[in-house]
Protein backbone atom coordinates (compact mmCIF):
# COMPACT_ATOMS: atom_id res chain seq x y z
CA MET A 1 13.98 -1.73 -14.60
CA SER A 2 16.90 -2.07 -12.19
CA ASP A 3 16.48 -2.80 -8.68
CA ALA A 4 18.74 0.71 -8.19
CA TYR A 5 16.04 2.19 -9.84
CA ASP A 6 13.54 1.60 -8.61
CA LEU A 7 14.90 2.83 -4.92
CA GLU A 8 15.43 5.87 -6.79
CA VAL A 9 12.09 5.86 -7.78
CA PHE A 10 10.67 5.03 -4.25
CA TRP A 11 12.68 7.21 -2.57
CA GLY A 12 11.75 9.81 -5.02
CA MET A 13 7.89 9.38 -4.49
CA LEU A 14 8.06 8.81 -0.73
CA LEU A 15 9.92 12.43 -0.72
CA SER A 16 8.25 13.87 -2.93
CA GLN A 17 6.04 15.74 -0.53
CA ASP A 18 2.93 14.43 -2.54
CA ALA A 19 0.66 13.10 -0.58
CA GLU A 20 -1.06 10.94 -3.69
CA ARG A 21 2.36 9.76 -4.39
CA ILE A 22 3.74 8.96 -0.98
CA CYS A 23 0.50 6.65 -0.42
CA THR A 24 1.25 5.00 -3.62
CA ALA A 25 4.90 4.46 -2.51
CA TRP A 26 3.99 3.35 0.55
CA GLY A 27 1.60 0.70 -0.63
CA TRP A 28 4.64 -0.57 -2.39
CA LEU A 29 5.81 -1.93 0.46
CA ALA A 30 5.24 -4.89 2.57
CA GLN A 31 4.02 -5.19 6.35
CA HIS A 32 7.65 -5.57 7.61
CA GLU A 33 9.46 -3.42 5.48
CA ARG A 34 7.07 -0.52 6.78
CA ALA A 35 8.03 -0.17 10.38
CA ALA A 36 11.89 -0.02 8.39
CA ILE A 37 11.12 2.77 6.63
CA ARG A 38 8.93 4.68 9.05
CA ALA A 39 12.41 4.46 11.60
CA HIS A 40 14.55 5.57 8.80
CA LEU A 41 12.07 8.58 8.12
CA GLU A 42 12.08 9.03 11.56
CA ARG A 43 15.99 9.34 12.31
CA MET A 44 15.96 11.71 9.29
CA ILE A 45 13.76 14.32 10.62
CA SER A 46 15.82 13.71 14.53
CA GLU A 47 19.68 13.24 13.73
CA GLU A 48 22.29 15.27 12.88
CA GLY A 49 23.41 14.77 9.53
CA TRP A 50 20.43 15.97 7.20
CA LEU A 51 19.38 18.81 4.76
CA ALA A 52 16.28 21.18 6.10
CA PRO A 53 15.37 19.86 2.69
CA GLN A 54 15.23 16.23 3.17
CA ARG A 55 13.97 17.01 7.33
CA ASN A 56 10.86 18.46 5.33
CA SER A 57 10.57 15.98 3.19
CA ALA A 58 10.72 12.97 5.70
CA ARG A 59 8.23 14.92 8.08
CA ALA A 60 5.70 15.41 5.24
CA ALA A 61 5.80 11.70 4.06
CA LEU A 62 5.61 11.22 8.22
CA ASP A 63 2.17 13.34 8.34
CA VAL A 64 0.91 11.38 5.47
CA ILE A 65 1.38 7.75 6.79
CA GLY A 66 1.02 8.34 9.92
CA ALA A 67 3.86 7.92 12.58
CA GLY A 68 1.83 6.14 15.01
CA PRO A 69 1.45 2.62 15.94
CA GLU A 70 -1.99 2.45 14.82
CA ASN A 71 -0.81 3.01 11.20
CA SER A 72 1.68 -0.09 11.75
CA SER A 73 -0.94 -2.04 9.66
CA GLY A 74 -0.77 -0.45 6.46
CA ALA A 75 -3.31 1.86 6.68
CA VAL A 76 -2.85 5.07 5.03
């Protein structure tokens, strides 16, 4: 499996709006990767240039993984 495919699968799952798939994708990440991914999701919902479906998917992912610092330890 190629790295590009892995990223495509990861983001497809994380932005799927399906809680189980989001949790699975989140679980694949190392602790240090989670902060960067969470920050990216937050940018997706707050910055210009993202489409409404992308914003909705990012919001759904944040709702599942939790947007607060209490979940930075990896709890889902």
